[in-house]
């Protein structure tokens, strides 16, 4: 149900200097998806009327991503603090009188459930709601000083006394409040501080001076992690992976060694699938019920149907589609190819830009030669075809249903259904010739060694 009375502002203009990267901080990835996209996905789950992203000047990739995710974007021409950043969305939300949710683009682990609780608090219990968490080590965080569930003030770590430093309830920086009210209060914030910036946290004290209640919503510490460095990016990645693996196991997916498996944000694995150790799922993967992924596979942009077995050491690249009960074995690579029901390609094979028909068997060492240096070409292998080991199929080529291709063949022309194709030179045996070849080889070796000795 759409929340017509809810708008979201996502702050994404931070420079991220500690990342030591030319890439805008919010575009660094967690599970193959930019951090900003994670935040926007969580916000969109609330189905708000508007989402506005505040970006830095020149951050064109941030603007493009915002548009792709269905959000508007405004530019903060000068970075004058978080309070100033929120105000950049005021013009875009002119006339909006509902609740405003303020988020940060570098907190990729937020869940819609927590955000919904924050919005509900602002709409039902208090005029303003602030998001906090219980920190295992609160050092460096602003402490939330509360009384009977109401936030009185936020004390920065450097300004806290001994008693305040013992408080483990810390401010996550995110707020929800009526849009007209929050913008009005932000205009009252000053910049009398070392950085000469307008801080969003100052809004709490100003609200209290105006006798406004500020409610507190607590979330899990892991959700609140803001990413400002490579180390924190790795920490957020580890947290996402652990959380997602746990969700999949709860749904009925079997992991042999879950801590070794990497999952992308959009990976779909259905119940009763089995995942071996050291498997990497890139973006765009679906694994259906009952499929088995054996150890050390790398899978991206692929669909794997029921009853399939993949690996070990297999690679499925974008466009790979395995129908039911397909077997793809060790050191097999599939790219932009459909393997229909019951196909087997068990050893050392490359299948690219191809179709392999139902029940066909692809022998070890088979290669579809799909690229001539300028264009890609298609290989069409019919049903119940047997491709012998070490065969080379030069595309474009079509192998008819029921055909056999002899081992070691190079096939550069179509093969009719039920035909036997032999594309190799006739074998010639020369009696007694092997010792002569060996004698010549030894003589060459001796000559080379003699030449080395002279030099």
Foldseek 3Di string as FASTA:
>chain_A
DADAQEEEEEEQADQLVQAVDPQRQQQDDFQQGGLLLLVLVLVCVNRYPAYEYEYEPPNVVVCVVCVVSVHHYFYDDDCFEDLSSVLRCCVVCPPRFHKYKYHYSQQNQAHNVLVVVQQCCCVPPFQKEFEKEFDPQCAQFWAFDDDPQWTQATHGNVRDDPVRNPGRIGTLQIMMHTVVVLSVLSVVFFQPDPSSHGYSRVSNNSCVVVVGTYGYGYDYPLSSQGDSHPVSSVVNNQVVQVVVLVVLVVQAEAEPDSSQERHHPAEAEHHQEYEYGNEYEHPQEYEEHQEYEYHCEYEYQEYHYHQEYAEDCEYEYRLEYEEHNEYHYHCEYEENEYEYAQEYEHECEYHYQEYAEHNEYAEHQEYEQQDDPPGGAYEYEYHHEYEYHNEYEYPPEYEEACEYEYHNAYHDYYHYHNYYHHHDDDDDDDPPCVVVVVVVVVVVVVVVVVVVVVD
